[in-house]
Amino acid sequence: MPRYIIERKFPTGLNIPMNEVGARACLGVVATNAKEGVTWVHSYVSTDKSSTFCVYDGPDPEAIRRAAGDNNLPLERITQVNVLAPYFYR
């Protein structure tokens, strides 16, 4: 399955509460993504919470775009990536 970095912008900041409400919101995203065959692996959040860089697996960029729309999430850029780790160079 191809892997992608998804860049998102949140002008007023990303505010997911660290409680049951936040947990339900994240699980809702996961469930909606699954309808498109998309998996949210994890995300990095900028310190000011205005940007996220999310690692996703999915069949193609269009499926990721549809999942973002279904989740009402912004989408700035989709970039297909491959893993490069220093452990490969022994």
PDB file of N, CA and C in Angstrom:
ATOM      1  N   MET A   1       0.853  -1.175   0.000  1.00  0.00           N
ATOM      2  CA  MET A   1       0.000   0.000   0.000  1.00  0.00           C
ATOM      3  C   MET A   1       0.898   1.237   0.000  1.00  0.00           C
ATOM      4  N   PRO A   2       0.643   2.188  -0.861  1.00  0.00           N
ATOM      5  CA  PRO A   2       1.448   3.407  -0.880  1.00  0.00           C
ATOM      6  C   PRO A   2       1.310   4.203   0.430  1.00  0.00           C
ATOM      7  N   ARG A   3       2.375   4.925   0.757  1.00  0.00           N
ATOM      8  CA  ARG A   3       2.399   5.769   1.960  1.00  0.00           C
ATOM      9  C   ARG A   3       2.491   7.229   1.522  1.00  0.00           C
ATOM     10  N   TYR A   4       1.820   8.098   2.281  1.00  0.00           N
ATOM     11  CA  TYR A   4       1.753   9.519   1.944  1.00  0.00           C
ATOM     12  C   TYR A   4       1.975  10.373   3.183  1.00  0.00           C
ATOM     13  N   ILE A   5       2.503  11.576   2.949  1.00  0.00           N
ATOM     14  CA  ILE A   5       2.530  12.619   3.962  1.00  0.00           C
ATOM     15  C   ILE A   5       1.436  13.603   3.565  1.00  0.00           C
ATOM     16  N   ILE A   6       0.553  13.877   4.502  1.00  0.00           N
ATOM     17  CA  ILE A   6      -0.566  14.788   4.279  1.00  0.00           C
ATOM     18  C   ILE A   6      -0.290  16.054   5.087  1.00  0.00           C
ATOM     19  N   GLU A   7      -0.239  17.189   4.414  1.00  0.00           N
ATOM     20  CA  GLU A   7      -0.034  18.460   5.098  1.00  0.00           C
ATOM     21  C   GLU A   7      -1.378  19.162   5.242  1.00  0.00           C
ATOM     22  N   ARG A   8      -1.633  19.618   6.467  1.00  0.00           N
ATOM     23  CA  ARG A   8      -2.875  20.331   6.761  1.00  0.00           C
ATOM     24  C   ARG A   8      -2.544  21.644   7.458  1.00  0.00           C
ATOM     25  N   LYS A   9      -3.368  22.657   7.241  1.00  0.00           N
ATOM     26  CA  LYS A   9      -3.240  23.950   7.918  1.00  0.00           C
ATOM     27  C   LYS A   9      -4.500  24.199   8.738  1.00  0.00           C
ATOM     28  N   PHE A  10      -4.293  24.633   9.969  1.00  0.00           N
ATOM     29  CA  PHE A  10      -5.385  24.970  10.880  1.00  0.00           C
ATOM     30  C   PHE A  10      -5.154  26.405  11.350  1.00  0.00           C
ATOM     31  N   PRO A  11      -5.717  27.399  10.647  1.00  0.00           N
ATOM     32  CA  PRO A  11      -5.445  28.800  10.962  1.00  0.00           C
ATOM     33  C   PRO A  11      -5.723  29.188  12.423  1.00  0.00           C
ATOM     34  N   THR A  12      -6.719  28.580  13.028  1.00  0.00           N
ATOM     35  CA  THR A  12      -7.024  28.888  14.431  1.00  0.00           C
ATOM     36  C   THR A  12      -6.444  27.855  15.384  1.00  0.00           C
ATOM     37  N   GLY A  13      -5.656  26.930  14.854  1.00  0.00           N
ATOM     38  CA  GLY A  13      -5.011  25.909  15.674  1.00  0.00           C
ATOM     39  C   GLY A  13      -5.829  24.631  15.755  1.00  0.00           C
ATOM     40  N   LEU A  14      -5.126  23.528  15.863  1.00  0.00           N
ATOM     41  CA  LEU A  14      -5.757  22.220  16.033  1.00  0.00           C
ATOM     42  C   LEU A  14      -5.975  22.006  17.528  1.00  0.00           C
ATOM     43  N   ASN A  15      -7.200  21.836  17.914  1.00  0.00           N
ATOM     44  CA  ASN A  15      -7.514  21.662  19.331  1.00  0.00           C
ATOM     45  C   ASN A  15      -8.323  20.392  19.535  1.00  0.00           C
ATOM     46  N   ILE A  16      -7.617  19.313  19.809  1.00  0.00           N
ATOM     47  CA  ILE A  16      -8.269  18.043  20.122  1.00  0.00           C
ATOM     48  C   ILE A  16      -8.100  17.834  21.625  1.00  0.00           C
ATOM     49  N   PRO A  17      -9.193  17.833  22.373  1.00  0.00           N
ATOM     50  CA  PRO A  17      -9.055  17.666  23.826  1.00  0.00           C
ATOM     51  C   PRO A  17      -8.497  16.291  24.188  1.00  0.00           C
ATOM     52  N   MET A  18      -7.696  16.262  25.226  1.00  0.00           N
ATOM     53  CA  MET A  18      -7.093  15.009  25.706  1.00  0.00           C
ATOM     54  C   MET A  18      -8.045  14.331  26.688  1.00  0.00           C
ATOM     55  N   ASN A  19      -9.215  13.957  26.164  1.00  0.00           N
ATOM     56  CA  ASN A  19     -10.226  13.291  26.979  1.00  0.00           C
ATOM     57  C   ASN A  19     -11.074  12.404  26.059  1.00  0.00           C
ATOM     58  N   GLU A  20     -12.173  11.932  26.578  1.00  0.00           N
ATOM     59  CA  GLU A  20     -13.037  11.027  25.817  1.00  0.00           C
ATOM     60  C   GLU A  20     -13.580  11.687  24.544  1.00  0.00           C
ATOM     61  N   VAL A  21     -13.849  12.970  24.593  1.00  0.00           N
ATOM     62  CA  VAL A  21     -14.345  13.687  23.412  1.00  0.00           C
ATOM     63  C   VAL A  21     -13.292  13.651  22.300  1.00  0.00           C
ATOM     64  N   GLY A  22     -12.041  13.922  22.655  1.00  0.00           N
ATOM     65  CA  GLY A  22     -10.958  13.870  21.679  1.00  0.00           C
ATOM     66  C   GLY A  22     -10.744  12.467  21.140  1.00  0.00           C
ATOM     67  N   ALA A  23     -10.824  11.485  22.021  1.00  0.00           N
ATOM     68  CA  ALA A  23     -10.659  10.092  21.604  1.00  0.00           C
ATOM     69  C   ALA A  23     -11.747   9.701  20.603  1.00  0.00           C
ATOM     70  N   ARG A  24     -12.978  10.091  20.876  1.00  0.00           N
ATOM     71  CA  ARG A  24     -14.079   9.781  19.952  1.00  0.00           C
ATOM     72  C   ARG A  24     -13.885  10.476  18.610  1.00  0.00           C
ATOM     73  N   ALA A  25     -13.397  11.710  18.649  1.00  0.00           N
ATOM     74  CA  ALA A  25     -13.160  12.439  17.400  1.00  0.00           C
ATOM     75  C   ALA A  25     -12.117  11.713  16.551  1.00  0.00           C
ATOM     76  N   CYS A  26     -11.032  11.284  17.159  1.00  0.00           N
ATOM     77  CA  CYS A  26      -9.984  10.568  16.423  1.00  0.00           C
ATOM     78  C   CYS A  26     -10.491   9.236  15.892  1.00  0.00           C
ATOM     79  N   LEU A  27     -11.236   8.511  16.704  1.00  0.00           N
ATOM     80  CA  LEU A  27     -11.786   7.229  16.242  1.00  0.00           C
ATOM     81  C   LEU A  27     -12.785   7.430  15.110  1.00  0.00           C
ATOM     82  N   GLY A  28     -13.492   8.557  15.130  1.00  0.00           N
ATOM     83  CA  GLY A  28     -14.405   8.871  14.033  1.00  0.00           C
ATOM     84  C   GLY A  28     -13.659   9.078  12.725  1.00  0.00           C
ATOM     85  N   VAL A  29     -12.514   9.757  12.796  1.00  0.00           N
ATOM     86  CA  VAL A  29     -11.680   9.948  11.606  1.00  0.00           C
ATOM     87  C   VAL A  29     -11.209   8.590  11.087  1.00  0.00           C
ATOM     88  N   VAL A  30     -10.751   7.734  11.986  1.00  0.00           N
ATOM     89  CA  VAL A  30     -10.276   6.402  11.600  1.00  0.00           C
ATOM     90  C   VAL A  30     -11.384   5.617  10.891  1.00  0.00           C
ATOM     91  N   ALA A  31     -12.585   5.645  11.447  1.00  0.00           N
ATOM     92  CA  ALA A  31     -13.701   4.898  10.856  1.00  0.00           C
ATOM     93  C   ALA A  31     -14.086   5.448   9.491  1.00  0.00           C
ATOM     94  N   THR A  32     -14.115   6.755   9.360  1.00  0.00           N
ATOM     95  CA  THR A  32     -14.456   7.365   8.072  1.00  0.00           C
ATOM     96  C   THR A  32     -13.384   7.074   7.031  1.00  0.00           C
ATOM     97  N   ASN A  33     -12.107   7.148   7.435  1.00  0.00           N
ATOM     98  CA  ASN A  33     -11.018   6.816   6.519  1.00  0.00           C
ATOM     99  C   ASN A  33     -11.140   5.397   5.990  1.00  0.00           C
ATOM    100  N   ALA A  34     -11.515   4.473   6.867  1.00  0.00           N
ATOM    101  CA  ALA A  34     -11.590   3.056   6.495  1.00  0.00           C
ATOM    102  C   ALA A  34     -12.566   2.825   5.345  1.00  0.00           C
ATOM    103  N   LYS A  35     -13.577   3.652   5.230  1.00  0.00           N
ATOM    104  CA  LYS A  35     -14.542   3.511   4.138  1.00  0.00           C
ATOM    105  C   LYS A  35     -13.886   3.718   2.775  1.00  0.00           C
ATOM    106  N   GLU A  36     -12.765   4.435   2.767  1.00  0.00           N
ATOM    107  CA  GLU A  36     -12.021   4.683   1.524  1.00  0.00           C
ATOM    108  C   GLU A  36     -10.772   3.816   1.426  1.00  0.00           C
ATOM    109  N   GLY A  37     -10.564   2.906   2.387  1.00  0.00           N
ATOM    110  CA  GLY A  37      -9.370   2.072   2.390  1.00  0.00           C
ATOM    111  C   GLY A  37      -8.128   2.824   2.815  1.00  0.00           C
ATOM    112  N   VAL A  38      -8.313   3.888   3.604  1.00  0.00           N
ATOM    113  CA  VAL A  38      -7.233   4.775   4.030  1.00  0.00           C
ATOM    114  C   VAL A  38      -6.953   4.536   5.505  1.00  0.00           C
ATOM    115  N   THR A  39      -5.669   4.501   5.875  1.00  0.00           N
ATOM    116  CA  THR A  39      -5.257   4.291   7.262  1.00  0.00           C
ATOM    117  C   THR A  39      -4.414   5.470   7.733  1.00  0.00           C
ATOM    118  N   TRP A  40      -4.828   6.097   8.843  1.00  0.00           N
ATOM    119  CA  TRP A  40      -4.064   7.160   9.493  1.00  0.00           C
ATOM    120  C   TRP A  40      -3.048   6.475  10.387  1.00  0.00           C
ATOM    121  N   VAL A  41      -1.762   6.604  10.083  1.00  0.00           N
ATOM    122  CA  VAL A  41      -0.701   5.947  10.841  1.00  0.00           C
ATOM    123  C   VAL A  41      -0.363   6.779  12.079  1.00  0.00           C
ATOM    124  N   HIS A  42       0.001   8.031  11.879  1.00  0.00           N
ATOM    125  CA  HIS A  42       0.220   8.981  12.975  1.00  0.00           C
ATOM    126  C   HIS A  42       0.435  10.367  12.372  1.00  0.00           C
ATOM    127  N   SER A  43       0.486  11.373  13.245  1.00  0.00           N
ATOM    128  CA  SER A  43       0.668  12.745  12.787  1.00  0.00           C
ATOM    129  C   SER A  43       1.691  13.473  13.638  1.00  0.00           C
ATOM    130  N   TYR A  44       2.301  14.475  13.024  1.00  0.00           N
ATOM    131  CA  TYR A  44       3.169  15.415  13.725  1.00  0.00           C
ATOM    132  C   TYR A  44       2.451  16.752  13.719  1.00  0.00           C
ATOM    133  N   VAL A  45       2.457  17.437  14.856  1.00  0.00           N
ATOM    134  CA  VAL A  45       1.767  18.713  15.003  1.00  0.00           C
ATOM    135  C   VAL A  45       2.809  19.789  15.289  1.00  0.00           C
ATOM    136  N   SER A  46       2.739  20.897  14.568  1.00  0.00           N
ATOM    137  CA  SER A  46       3.668  21.992  14.819  1.00  0.00           C
ATOM    138  C   SER A  46       3.437  22.541  16.231  1.00  0.00           C
ATOM    139  N   THR A  47       4.457  23.153  16.796  1.00  0.00           N
ATOM    140  CA  THR A  47       4.351  23.624  18.181  1.00  0.00           C
ATOM    141  C   THR A  47       3.251  24.662  18.365  1.00  0.00           C
ATOM    142  N   ASP A  48       2.956  25.440  17.338  1.00  0.00           N
ATOM    143  CA  ASP A  48       1.863  26.416  17.455  1.00  0.00           C
ATOM    144  C   ASP A  48       0.506  25.820  17.077  1.00  0.00           C
ATOM    145  N   LYS A  49       0.481  24.533  16.756  1.00  0.00           N
ATOM    146  CA  LYS A  49      -0.725  23.780  16.409  1.00  0.00           C
ATOM    147  C   LYS A  49      -1.434  24.285  15.154  1.00  0.00           C
ATOM    148  N   SER A  50      -0.706  25.023  14.308  1.00  0.00           N
ATOM    149  CA  SER A  50      -1.325  25.545  13.089  1.00  0.00           C
ATOM    150  C   SER A  50      -1.156  24.611  11.887  1.00  0.00           C
ATOM    151  N   SER A  51      -0.267  23.620  12.008  1.00  0.00           N
ATOM    152  CA  SER A  51      -0.010  22.694  10.898  1.00  0.00           C
ATOM    153  C   SER A  51       0.138  21.275  11.418  1.00  0.00           C
ATOM    154  N   THR A  52      -0.295  20.333  10.584  1.00  0.00           N
ATOM    155  CA  THR A  52      -0.031  18.930  10.884  1.00  0.00           C
ATOM    156  C   THR A  52       0.585  18.283   9.659  1.00  0.00           C
ATOM    157  N   PHE A  53       1.400  17.266   9.923  1.00  0.00           N
ATOM    158  CA  PHE A  53       2.034  16.461   8.896  1.00  0.00           C
ATOM    159  C   PHE A  53       1.689  15.020   9.248  1.00  0.00           C
ATOM    160  N   CYS A  54       0.772  14.459   8.497  1.00  0.00           N
ATOM    161  CA  CYS A  54       0.173  13.171   8.848  1.00  0.00           C
ATOM    162  C   CYS A  54       0.711  12.079   7.925  1.00  0.00           C
ATOM    163  N   VAL A  55       1.010  10.943   8.508  1.00  0.00           N
ATOM    164  CA  VAL A  55       1.446   9.783   7.745  1.00  0.00           C
ATOM    165  C   VAL A  55       0.206   8.911   7.511  1.00  0.00           C
ATOM    166  N   TYR A  56      -0.074   8.663   6.240  1.00  0.00           N
ATOM    167  CA  TYR A  56      -1.247   7.885   5.854  1.00  0.00           C
ATOM    168  C   TYR A  56      -0.847   6.788   4.887  1.00  0.00           C
ATOM    169  N   ASP A  57      -1.531   5.668   4.951  1.00  0.00           N
ATOM    170  CA  ASP A  57      -1.463   4.642   3.927  1.00  0.00           C
ATOM    171  C   ASP A  57      -2.800   4.654   3.203  1.00  0.00           C
ATOM    172  N   GLY A  58      -2.744   4.497   1.896  1.00  0.00           N
ATOM    173  CA  GLY A  58      -3.988   4.487   1.141  1.00  0.00           C
ATOM    174  C   GLY A  58      -3.753   4.057  -0.284  1.00  0.00           C
ATOM    175  N   PRO A  59      -4.826   3.712  -0.967  1.00  0.00           N
ATOM    176  CA  PRO A  59      -4.692   3.202  -2.330  1.00  0.00           C
ATOM    177  C   PRO A  59      -4.214   4.257  -3.325  1.00  0.00           C
ATOM    178  N   ASP A  60      -4.613   5.533  -3.133  1.00  0.00           N
ATOM    179  CA  ASP A  60      -4.216   6.599  -4.051  1.00  0.00           C
ATOM    180  C   ASP A  60      -4.578   7.953  -3.434  1.00  0.00           C
ATOM    181  N   PRO A  61      -4.035   9.038  -3.992  1.00  0.00           N
ATOM    182  CA  PRO A  61      -4.333  10.359  -3.442  1.00  0.00           C
ATOM    183  C   PRO A  61      -5.818  10.723  -3.466  1.00  0.00           C
ATOM    184  N   GLU A  62      -6.529  10.245  -4.452  1.00  0.00           N
ATOM    185  CA  GLU A  62      -7.952  10.565  -4.543  1.00  0.00           C
ATOM    186  C   GLU A  62      -8.734   9.999  -3.353  1.00  0.00           C
ATOM    187  N   ALA A  63      -8.392   8.787  -2.916  1.00  0.00           N
ATOM    188  CA  ALA A  63      -9.052   8.189  -1.752  1.00  0.00           C
ATOM    189  C   ALA A  63      -8.757   9.014  -0.501  1.00  0.00           C
ATOM    190  N   ILE A  64      -7.534   9.482  -0.369  1.00  0.00           N
ATOM    191  CA  ILE A  64      -7.164  10.317   0.782  1.00  0.00           C
ATOM    192  C   ILE A  64      -7.924  11.640   0.726  1.00  0.00           C
ATOM    193  N   ARG A  65      -8.036  12.210  -0.452  1.00  0.00           N
ATOM    194  CA  ARG A  65      -8.772  13.466  -0.622  1.00  0.00           C
ATOM    195  C   ARG A  65     -10.248  13.293  -0.256  1.00  0.00           C
ATOM    196  N   ARG A  66     -10.852  12.187  -0.694  1.00  0.00           N
ATOM    197  CA  ARG A  66     -12.257  11.923  -0.354  1.00  0.00           C
ATOM    198  C   ARG A  66     -12.428  11.746   1.153  1.00  0.00           C
ATOM    199  N   ALA A  67     -11.516  11.005   1.783  1.00  0.00           N
ATOM    200  CA  ALA A  67     -11.593  10.787   3.231  1.00  0.00           C
ATOM    201  C   ALA A  67     -11.465  12.111   3.982  1.00  0.00           C
ATOM    202  N   ALA A  68     -10.558  12.979   3.535  1.00  0.00           N
ATOM    203  CA  ALA A  68     -10.405  14.291   4.174  1.00  0.00           C
ATOM    204  C   ALA A  68     -11.702  15.086   4.068  1.00  0.00           C
ATOM    205  N   GLY A  69     -12.308  15.069   2.897  1.00  0.00           N
ATOM    206  CA  GLY A  69     -13.577  15.773   2.711  1.00  0.00           C
ATOM    207  C   GLY A  69     -14.678  15.202   3.586  1.00  0.00           C
ATOM    208  N   ASP A  70     -14.763  13.883   3.652  1.00  0.00           N
ATOM    209  CA  ASP A  70     -15.779  13.238   4.480  1.00  0.00           C
ATOM    210  C   ASP A  70     -15.575  13.549   5.963  1.00  0.00           C
ATOM    211  N   ASN A  71     -14.316  13.787   6.360  1.00  0.00           N
ATOM    212  CA  ASN A  71     -14.001  14.120   7.753  1.00  0.00           C
ATOM    213  C   ASN A  71     -13.988  15.633   8.012  1.00  0.00           C
ATOM    214  N   ASN A  72     -14.282  16.416   6.976  1.00  0.00           N
ATOM    215  CA  ASN A  72     -14.241  17.880   7.093  1.00  0.00           C
ATOM    216  C   ASN A  72     -12.883  18.370   7.573  1.00  0.00           C
ATOM    217  N   LEU A  73     -11.823  17.754   7.060  1.00  0.00           N
ATOM    218  CA  LEU A  73     -10.460  18.140   7.416  1.00  0.00           C
ATOM    219  C   LEU A  73      -9.817  18.897   6.254  1.00  0.00           C
ATOM    220  N   PRO A  74      -9.052  19.936   6.564  1.00  0.00           N
ATOM    221  CA  PRO A  74      -8.356  20.648   5.488  1.00  0.00           C
ATOM    222  C   PRO A  74      -7.273  19.773   4.886  1.00  0.00           C
ATOM    223  N   LEU A  75      -6.900  20.098   3.665  1.00  0.00           N
ATOM    224  CA  LEU A  75      -5.859  19.330   2.979  1.00  0.00           C
ATOM    225  C   LEU A  75      -5.067  20.287   2.105  1.00  0.00           C
ATOM    226  N   GLU A  76      -3.813  20.490   2.453  1.00  0.00           N
ATOM    227  CA  GLU A  76      -2.946  21.384   1.690  1.00  0.00           C
ATOM    228  C   GLU A  76      -2.182  20.634   0.606  1.00  0.00           C
ATOM    229  N   ARG A  77      -1.606  19.485   0.991  1.00  0.00           N
ATOM    230  CA  ARG A  77      -0.740  18.766   0.064  1.00  0.00           C
ATOM    231  C   ARG A  77      -0.710  17.285   0.403  1.00  0.00           C
ATOM    232  N   ILE A  78      -0.650  16.468  -0.641  1.00  0.00           N
ATOM    233  CA  ILE A  78      -0.462  15.024  -0.513  1.00  0.00           C
ATOM    234  C   ILE A  78       0.822  14.681  -1.246  1.00  0.00           C
ATOM    235  N   THR A  79       1.758  14.039  -0.543  1.00  0.00           N
ATOM    236  CA  THR A  79       3.024  13.656  -1.152  1.00  0.00           C
ATOM    237  C   THR A  79       3.264  12.175  -0.909  1.00  0.00           C
ATOM    238  N   GLN A  80       3.407  11.406  -1.975  1.00  0.00           N
ATOM    239  CA  GLN A  80       3.746   9.996  -1.804  1.00  0.00           C
ATOM    240  C   GLN A  80       5.210   9.905  -1.384  1.00  0.00           C
ATOM    241  N   VAL A  81       5.487   9.053  -0.394  1.00  0.00           N
ATOM    242  CA  VAL A  81       6.839   8.943   0.161  1.00  0.00           C
ATOM    243  C   VAL A  81       7.256   7.485   0.303  1.00  0.00           C
ATOM    244  N   ASN A  82       8.564   7.299   0.471  1.00  0.00           N
ATOM    245  CA  ASN A  82       9.158   6.006   0.806  1.00  0.00           C
ATOM    246  C   ASN A  82       9.972   6.186   2.069  1.00  0.00           C
ATOM    247  N   VAL A  83      10.200   5.121   2.785  1.00  0.00           N
ATOM    248  CA  VAL A  83      10.962   5.173   4.025  1.00  0.00           C
ATOM    249  C   VAL A  83      12.459   5.211   3.718  1.00  0.00           C
ATOM    250  N   LEU A  84      13.150   6.107   4.396  1.00  0.00           N
ATOM    251  CA  LEU A  84      14.605   6.143   4.392  1.00  0.00           C
ATOM    252  C   LEU A  84      15.022   6.245   5.849  1.00  0.00           C
ATOM    253  N   ALA A  85      15.748   5.265   6.335  1.00  0.00           N
ATOM    254  CA  ALA A  85      16.178   5.247   7.728  1.00  0.00           C
ATOM    255  C   ALA A  85      17.682   4.964   7.789  1.00  0.00           C
ATOM    256  N   PRO A  86      18.377   5.542   8.755  1.00  0.00           N
ATOM    257  CA  PRO A  86      19.817   5.328   8.838  1.00  0.00           C
ATOM    258  C   PRO A  86      20.191   3.885   9.119  1.00  0.00           C
ATOM    259  N   TYR A  87      19.263   3.101   9.609  1.00  0.00           N
ATOM    260  CA  TYR A  87      19.542   1.703   9.945  1.00  0.00           C
ATOM    261  C   TYR A  87      19.751   0.830   8.711  1.00  0.00           C
ATOM    262  N   PHE A  88      19.351   1.351   7.549  1.00  0.00           N
ATOM    263  CA  PHE A  88      19.534   0.605   6.306  1.00  0.00           C
ATOM    264  C   PHE A  88      20.994   0.602   5.869  1.00  0.00           C
ATOM    265  N   TYR A  89      21.786   1.538   6.401  1.00  0.00           N
ATOM    266  CA  TYR A  89      23.166   1.734   5.945  1.00  0.00           C
ATOM    267  C   TYR A  89      24.156   1.127   6.922  1.00  0.00           C
ATOM    268  N   ARG A  90      24.190  -0.170   7.018  1.00  0.00           N
ATOM    269  CA  ARG A  90      25.129  -0.870   7.897  1.00  0.00           C
ATOM    270  C   ARG A  90      26.244  -1.455   7.083  1.00  0.00           C
TER     271      ARG A  90
END
